[in-house]
Amino acid sequence: MAKGKQSIQRKYHLFDAQGKILGRMATEIAFILRGKGKVDFAPNIDAGDFVVVVNADLVEVTGNKKDGKIYNHFSGYPGGVSSISFKDQIKKDSRKVVSSAVFGMLGKNKLRDKMMGRLLVYKNVEHKHKIDVTH
């Protein structure tokens, strides 16, 4: 029997980023967004859960990545490359750091944008979602 949109049960998972390593947390989040932990997982069905990440300002990285990691953005125009370091991006908007890490962990396919729509990242502890599972 094929799954319809009505039969997909989605839960809310809470991740507290305080003191967590960015990449390791991103792999766990991508696993949940994709729905791989569910019994009825199918790679062509978008049946993953919602993920709420709090305390994005307090996420950690290992080694020299605080100084050495660079985020690049290209506007498409000549000379349109802009770069920002990890520590500057954390000060500017830490939500983009977490979103970028999870985006890179998800499969490069048509379902990725839908999965990213279920990732909710907050700078501090305050959020308005009813949490089912805490990580």
N, C-alpha and C. Protein backbone atom coordinates (compact mmCIF):
# COMPACT_ATOMS: atom_id res chain seq x y z
N MET A 1 0.85 -1.19 0.00
CA MET A 1 0.00 0.00 0.00
C MET A 1 0.89 1.25 0.00
N ALA A 2 0.64 2.15 -0.90
CA ALA A 2 1.43 3.37 -1.01
C ALA A 2 1.06 4.34 0.11
N LYS A 3 2.08 5.06 0.59
CA LYS A 3 1.83 6.03 1.65
C LYS A 3 1.28 7.31 1.05
N GLY A 4 0.23 7.81 1.67
CA GLY A 4 -0.32 9.10 1.27
C GLY A 4 0.17 10.16 2.23
N LYS A 5 -0.10 11.41 1.94
CA LYS A 5 0.34 12.49 2.81
C LYS A 5 -0.33 12.41 4.18
N GLN A 6 -1.52 11.83 4.24
CA GLN A 6 -2.23 11.75 5.50
C GLN A 6 -1.61 10.72 6.45
N SER A 7 -0.95 9.71 5.94
CA SER A 7 -0.45 8.63 6.78
C SER A 7 0.92 8.91 7.38
N ILE A 8 1.57 9.98 7.02
CA ILE A 8 2.89 10.30 7.55
C ILE A 8 2.74 11.02 8.89
N GLN A 9 3.27 10.40 9.94
CA GLN A 9 3.22 10.99 11.28
C GLN A 9 4.56 11.68 11.54
N ARG A 10 4.52 12.99 11.74
CA ARG A 10 5.75 13.75 11.96
C ARG A 10 5.83 14.19 13.42
N LYS A 11 7.00 13.98 14.02
CA LYS A 11 7.25 14.40 15.39
C LYS A 11 8.21 15.60 15.38
N TYR A 12 8.31 16.26 16.51
CA TYR A 12 9.26 17.35 16.69
C TYR A 12 10.40 16.86 17.57
N HIS A 13 11.63 16.98 17.09
CA HIS A 13 12.83 16.60 17.83
C HIS A 13 13.56 17.86 18.24
N LEU A 14 14.01 17.92 19.49
CA LEU A 14 14.72 19.09 20.01
C LEU A 14 16.20 18.77 20.15
N PHE A 15 17.05 19.62 19.58
CA PHE A 15 18.50 19.52 19.72
C PHE A 15 18.99 20.78 20.41
N ASP A 16 19.72 20.62 21.50
CA ASP A 16 20.36 21.75 22.17
C ASP A 16 21.81 21.79 21.69
N ALA A 17 22.18 22.83 20.96
CA ALA A 17 23.50 22.92 20.34
C ALA A 17 24.59 23.36 21.30
N GLN A 18 24.24 23.65 22.54
CA GLN A 18 25.23 24.14 23.50
C GLN A 18 26.29 23.07 23.76
N GLY A 19 27.53 23.38 23.38
CA GLY A 19 28.65 22.49 23.60
C GLY A 19 28.75 21.33 22.63
N LYS A 20 27.85 21.24 21.65
CA LYS A 20 27.89 20.14 20.68
C LYS A 20 28.81 20.49 19.52
N ILE A 21 29.42 19.46 18.93
CA ILE A 21 30.26 19.64 17.76
C ILE A 21 29.35 19.80 16.54
N LEU A 22 29.59 20.81 15.73
CA LEU A 22 28.71 21.17 14.61
C LEU A 22 28.48 20.02 13.64
N GLY A 23 29.53 19.40 13.14
CA GLY A 23 29.38 18.36 12.14
C GLY A 23 28.69 17.12 12.65
N ARG A 24 29.00 16.72 13.87
CA ARG A 24 28.38 15.53 14.43
C ARG A 24 26.91 15.74 14.69
N MET A 25 26.56 16.93 15.14
CA MET A 25 25.15 17.25 15.35
C MET A 25 24.41 17.31 14.01
N ALA A 26 25.06 17.84 12.98
CA ALA A 26 24.44 17.96 11.66
C ALA A 26 24.12 16.60 11.07
N THR A 27 24.96 15.59 11.29
CA THR A 27 24.68 14.25 10.76
C THR A 27 23.47 13.64 11.45
N GLU A 28 23.33 13.84 12.76
CA GLU A 28 22.17 13.33 13.48
C GLU A 28 20.89 14.02 13.00
N ILE A 29 20.97 15.32 12.78
CA ILE A 29 19.80 16.08 12.31
C ILE A 29 19.40 15.62 10.91
N ALA A 30 20.37 15.44 10.02
CA ALA A 30 20.08 15.00 8.65
C ALA A 30 19.44 13.62 8.66
N PHE A 31 19.87 12.74 9.56
CA PHE A 31 19.30 11.41 9.70
C PHE A 31 17.81 11.49 10.04
N ILE A 32 17.46 12.39 10.96
CA ILE A 32 16.06 12.54 11.37
C ILE A 32 15.24 13.23 10.29
N LEU A 33 15.78 14.28 9.66
CA LEU A 33 15.05 14.98 8.59
C LEU A 33 14.73 14.04 7.43
N ARG A 34 15.63 13.13 7.15
CA ARG A 34 15.45 12.19 6.05
C ARG A 34 14.46 11.09 6.40
N GLY A 35 14.29 10.78 7.70
CA GLY A 35 13.37 9.75 8.13
C GLY A 35 13.97 8.36 8.14
N LYS A 36 15.29 8.27 8.18
CA LYS A 36 15.94 6.97 8.11
C LYS A 36 15.73 6.12 9.35
N GLY A 37 15.37 6.72 10.47
CA GLY A 37 15.14 5.95 11.68
C GLY A 37 13.77 5.31 11.75
N LYS A 38 12.92 5.59 10.79
CA LYS A 38 11.56 5.06 10.80
C LYS A 38 11.52 3.67 10.17
N VAL A 39 10.57 2.88 10.59
CA VAL A 39 10.46 1.50 10.11
C VAL A 39 10.09 1.45 8.63
N ASP A 40 9.26 2.38 8.20
CA ASP A 40 8.77 2.38 6.82
C ASP A 40 9.56 3.34 5.94
N PHE A 41 10.87 3.46 6.15
CA PHE A 41 11.72 4.37 5.37
C PHE A 41 11.78 3.91 3.91
N ALA A 42 11.62 4.87 3.01
CA ALA A 42 11.84 4.66 1.58
C ALA A 42 12.60 5.88 1.07
N PRO A 43 13.65 5.67 0.27
CA PRO A 43 14.47 6.80 -0.15
C PRO A 43 13.76 7.82 -1.03
N ASN A 44 12.67 7.42 -1.67
CA ASN A 44 11.96 8.35 -2.55
C ASN A 44 10.79 9.04 -1.89
N ILE A 45 10.53 8.76 -0.62
CA ILE A 45 9.42 9.35 0.11
C ILE A 45 9.99 10.31 1.16
N ASP A 46 9.41 11.50 1.24
CA ASP A 46 9.82 12.49 2.22
C ASP A 46 8.97 12.30 3.48
N ALA A 47 9.42 11.43 4.38
CA ALA A 47 8.64 11.09 5.56
C ALA A 47 9.38 11.42 6.85
N GLY A 48 10.33 12.34 6.81
CA GLY A 48 11.11 12.69 7.99
C GLY A 48 10.35 13.56 8.96
N ASP A 49 10.97 13.79 10.10
CA ASP A 49 10.36 14.56 11.18
C ASP A 49 10.87 16.00 11.17
N PHE A 50 10.26 16.83 12.03
CA PHE A 50 10.72 18.20 12.24
C PHE A 50 11.87 18.19 13.24
N VAL A 51 12.82 19.10 13.08
CA VAL A 51 13.93 19.24 14.02
C VAL A 51 14.02 20.69 14.45
N VAL A 52 14.01 20.91 15.77
CA VAL A 52 14.16 22.24 16.35
C VAL A 52 15.53 22.29 17.02
N VAL A 53 16.36 23.24 16.59
CA VAL A 53 17.70 23.41 17.17
C VAL A 53 17.70 24.71 17.95
N VAL A 54 18.08 24.63 19.23
CA VAL A 54 18.16 25.83 20.07
C VAL A 54 19.61 26.07 20.46
N ASN A 55 19.92 27.26 20.91
CA ASN A 55 21.27 27.68 21.31
C ASN A 55 22.27 27.56 20.17
N ALA A 56 21.91 27.99 18.99
CA ALA A 56 22.82 27.93 17.84
C ALA A 56 24.05 28.79 18.05
N ASP A 57 23.97 29.81 18.90
CA ASP A 57 25.12 30.66 19.17
C ASP A 57 26.23 29.91 19.90
N LEU A 58 25.90 28.82 20.58
CA LEU A 58 26.85 28.13 21.43
C LEU A 58 27.40 26.85 20.83
N VAL A 59 27.25 26.67 19.52
CA VAL A 59 27.76 25.46 18.86
C VAL A 59 29.28 25.52 18.80
N GLU A 60 29.92 24.35 18.85
CA GLU A 60 31.38 24.27 18.88
C GLU A 60 31.90 23.65 17.58
N VAL A 61 33.16 23.91 17.27
CA VAL A 61 33.87 23.23 16.19
C VAL A 61 35.22 22.80 16.74
N THR A 62 35.82 21.79 16.11
CA THR A 62 37.09 21.27 16.60
C THR A 62 38.25 21.88 15.81
N GLY A 63 39.45 21.75 16.38
CA GLY A 63 40.65 22.19 15.68
C GLY A 63 40.69 23.69 15.49
N ASN A 64 41.23 24.10 14.33
CA ASN A 64 41.38 25.52 14.01
C ASN A 64 40.25 26.07 13.14
N LYS A 65 39.11 25.37 13.14
CA LYS A 65 38.02 25.79 12.25
C LYS A 65 37.42 27.14 12.63
N LYS A 66 37.52 27.54 13.89
CA LYS A 66 36.99 28.85 14.28
C LYS A 66 37.64 29.96 13.48
N ASP A 67 38.94 29.82 13.22
CA ASP A 67 39.66 30.84 12.47
C ASP A 67 39.76 30.49 10.99
N GLY A 68 39.84 29.20 10.66
CA GLY A 68 40.16 28.80 9.29
C GLY A 68 38.97 28.50 8.39
N LYS A 69 37.81 28.18 8.96
CA LYS A 69 36.66 27.82 8.13
C LYS A 69 36.06 29.06 7.49
N ILE A 70 35.85 29.01 6.18
CA ILE A 70 35.35 30.15 5.42
C ILE A 70 34.05 29.75 4.72
N TYR A 71 33.05 30.61 4.80
CA TYR A 71 31.80 30.43 4.07
C TYR A 71 31.81 31.38 2.88
N ASN A 72 31.67 30.84 1.67
CA ASN A 72 31.69 31.63 0.44
C ASN A 72 30.28 31.73 -0.14
N HIS A 73 29.99 32.86 -0.74
CA HIS A 73 28.72 33.07 -1.43
C HIS A 73 29.02 33.76 -2.76
N PHE A 74 28.42 33.25 -3.82
CA PHE A 74 28.63 33.84 -5.15
C PHE A 74 27.30 34.33 -5.68
N SER A 75 27.23 35.62 -6.03
CA SER A 75 25.99 36.23 -6.50
C SER A 75 25.69 35.89 -7.95
N GLY A 76 26.69 35.46 -8.70
CA GLY A 76 26.49 35.16 -10.11
C GLY A 76 27.03 36.25 -11.01
N TYR A 77 27.41 37.37 -10.42
CA TYR A 77 27.96 38.48 -11.18
C TYR A 77 29.48 38.50 -11.07
N PRO A 78 30.17 39.11 -12.04
CA PRO A 78 31.62 39.21 -11.94
C PRO A 78 32.03 39.96 -10.67
N GLY A 79 32.95 39.41 -9.96
CA GLY A 79 33.39 40.02 -8.71
C GLY A 79 32.39 39.86 -7.58
N GLY A 80 31.43 38.97 -7.74
CA GLY A 80 30.36 38.82 -6.77
C GLY A 80 30.59 37.76 -5.71
N VAL A 81 31.85 37.44 -5.43
CA VAL A 81 32.16 36.46 -4.39
C VAL A 81 32.32 37.18 -3.06
N SER A 82 31.58 36.73 -2.06
CA SER A 82 31.76 37.29 -0.73
C SER A 82 32.10 36.14 0.21
N SER A 83 33.01 36.37 1.14
CA SER A 83 33.48 35.35 2.07
C SER A 83 33.37 35.87 3.48
N ILE A 84 33.09 34.94 4.41
CA ILE A 84 33.02 35.29 5.82
C ILE A 84 33.55 34.11 6.62
N SER A 85 34.30 34.41 7.67
CA SER A 85 34.88 33.33 8.49
C SER A 85 33.84 32.78 9.45
N PHE A 86 34.13 31.63 10.03
CA PHE A 86 33.21 30.97 10.95
C PHE A 86 32.90 31.85 12.15
N LYS A 87 33.93 32.42 12.77
CA LYS A 87 33.68 33.20 13.98
C LYS A 87 32.89 34.48 13.69
N ASP A 88 33.08 35.06 12.50
CA ASP A 88 32.29 36.23 12.13
C ASP A 88 30.85 35.86 11.80
N GLN A 89 30.66 34.70 11.16
CA GLN A 89 29.31 34.25 10.82
C GLN A 89 28.52 33.89 12.08
N ILE A 90 29.19 33.32 13.08
CA ILE A 90 28.53 33.02 14.35
C ILE A 90 28.02 34.30 15.01
N LYS A 91 28.83 35.37 14.96
CA LYS A 91 28.41 36.65 15.53
C LYS A 91 27.28 37.27 14.73
N LYS A 92 27.36 37.17 13.39
CA LYS A 92 26.37 37.79 12.52
C LYS A 92 25.03 37.05 12.57
N ASP A 93 25.04 35.75 12.25
CA ASP A 93 23.82 34.94 12.28
C ASP A 93 24.22 33.47 12.41
N SER A 94 24.15 32.95 13.63
CA SER A 94 24.59 31.58 13.89
C SER A 94 23.64 30.55 13.30
N ARG A 95 22.42 30.94 12.98
CA ARG A 95 21.46 29.99 12.39
C ARG A 95 21.93 29.52 11.03
N LYS A 96 22.61 30.39 10.28
CA LYS A 96 23.10 30.02 8.95
C LYS A 96 24.22 28.97 9.04
N VAL A 97 25.00 29.00 10.11
CA VAL A 97 26.07 28.02 10.30
C VAL A 97 25.47 26.62 10.43
N VAL A 98 24.47 26.48 11.29
CA VAL A 98 23.83 25.18 11.50
C VAL A 98 23.09 24.74 10.24
N SER A 99 22.35 25.65 9.62
CA SER A 99 21.61 25.30 8.40
C SER A 99 22.54 24.87 7.28
N SER A 100 23.66 25.55 7.12
CA SER A 100 24.61 25.21 6.08
C SER A 100 25.21 23.83 6.30
N ALA A 101 25.51 23.50 7.55
CA ALA A 101 26.08 22.19 7.87
C ALA A 101 25.08 21.07 7.57
N VAL A 102 23.83 21.26 7.96
CA VAL A 102 22.81 20.24 7.72
C VAL A 102 22.52 20.14 6.22
N PHE A 103 22.48 21.26 5.52
CA PHE A 103 22.24 21.27 4.08
C PHE A 103 23.27 20.42 3.35
N GLY A 104 24.53 20.54 3.78
CA GLY A 104 25.59 19.76 3.16
C GLY A 104 25.51 18.28 3.47
N MET A 105 24.86 17.90 4.57
CA MET A 105 24.75 16.49 4.95
C MET A 105 23.60 15.78 4.25
N LEU A 106 22.63 16.53 3.75
CA LEU A 106 21.48 15.90 3.09
C LEU A 106 21.82 15.52 1.66
N GLY A 107 21.06 14.59 1.11
CA GLY A 107 21.28 14.15 -0.26
C GLY A 107 21.00 15.26 -1.25
N LYS A 108 21.75 15.26 -2.34
CA LYS A 108 21.62 16.30 -3.36
C LYS A 108 20.52 15.89 -4.34
N ASN A 109 19.26 16.08 -3.95
CA ASN A 109 18.14 15.67 -4.79
C ASN A 109 16.96 16.62 -4.62
N LYS A 110 15.83 16.28 -5.20
CA LYS A 110 14.67 17.17 -5.20
C LYS A 110 13.99 17.25 -3.83
N LEU A 111 14.27 16.32 -2.94
CA LEU A 111 13.64 16.32 -1.63
C LEU A 111 14.37 17.21 -0.62
N ARG A 112 15.57 17.65 -0.94
CA ARG A 112 16.39 18.39 0.02
C ARG A 112 15.72 19.68 0.48
N ASP A 113 15.12 20.44 -0.40
CA ASP A 113 14.48 21.69 0.00
C ASP A 113 13.30 21.46 0.94
N LYS A 114 12.54 20.39 0.70
CA LYS A 114 11.42 20.06 1.59
C LYS A 114 11.93 19.67 2.97
N MET A 115 13.02 18.91 3.00
CA MET A 115 13.60 18.51 4.28
C MET A 115 14.13 19.72 5.04
N MET A 116 14.79 20.64 4.33
CA MET A 116 15.32 21.84 4.98
C MET A 116 14.20 22.72 5.51
N GLY A 117 13.02 22.64 4.92
CA GLY A 117 11.88 23.40 5.42
C GLY A 117 11.42 22.93 6.79
N ARG A 118 11.78 21.71 7.17
CA ARG A 118 11.42 21.18 8.48
C ARG A 118 12.51 21.38 9.53
N LEU A 119 13.59 22.07 9.16
CA LEU A 119 14.65 22.40 10.11
C LEU A 119 14.38 23.79 10.66
N LEU A 120 14.21 23.89 11.97
CA LEU A 120 13.90 25.15 12.62
C LEU A 120 15.04 25.47 13.59
N VAL A 121 15.78 26.54 13.32
CA VAL A 121 16.96 26.86 14.12
C VAL A 121 16.73 28.19 14.85
N TYR A 122 17.06 28.20 16.15
CA TYR A 122 16.89 29.39 16.98
C TYR A 122 18.21 29.72 17.66
N LYS A 123 18.48 31.02 17.83
CA LYS A 123 19.73 31.48 18.43
C LYS A 123 19.80 31.17 19.92
N ASN A 124 18.66 31.20 20.61
CA ASN A 124 18.65 30.95 22.05
C ASN A 124 17.64 29.85 22.38
N VAL A 125 17.23 29.74 23.62
CA VAL A 125 16.40 28.62 24.07
C VAL A 125 14.93 28.79 23.72
N GLU A 126 14.49 30.00 23.44
CA GLU A 126 13.06 30.26 23.24
C GLU A 126 12.58 29.76 21.88
N HIS A 127 11.52 28.96 21.91
CA HIS A 127 10.85 28.51 20.69
C HIS A 127 9.39 28.24 21.03
N LYS A 128 8.54 28.01 20.03
CA LYS A 128 7.10 27.87 20.27
C LYS A 128 6.56 26.50 19.86
N HIS A 129 7.42 25.51 19.75
CA HIS A 129 7.00 24.21 19.23
C HIS A 129 6.80 23.21 20.35
N LYS A 130 5.85 22.29 20.15
CA LYS A 130 5.59 21.23 21.11
C LYS A 130 6.53 20.08 20.80
N ILE A 131 7.45 19.78 21.69
CA ILE A 131 8.52 18.82 21.45
C ILE A 131 8.08 17.42 21.87
N ASP A 132 8.34 16.44 20.98
CA ASP A 132 8.05 15.04 21.29
C ASP A 132 9.29 14.30 21.80
N VAL A 133 10.46 14.55 21.18
CA VAL A 133 11.69 13.83 21.51
C VAL A 133 12.82 14.85 21.72
N THR A 134 13.63 14.64 22.77
CA THR A 134 14.76 15.52 23.05
C THR A 134 16.07 14.76 22.84
N HIS A 135 17.04 15.40 22.19
CA HIS A 135 18.34 14.78 21.94
C HIS A 135 19.41 15.51 22.69
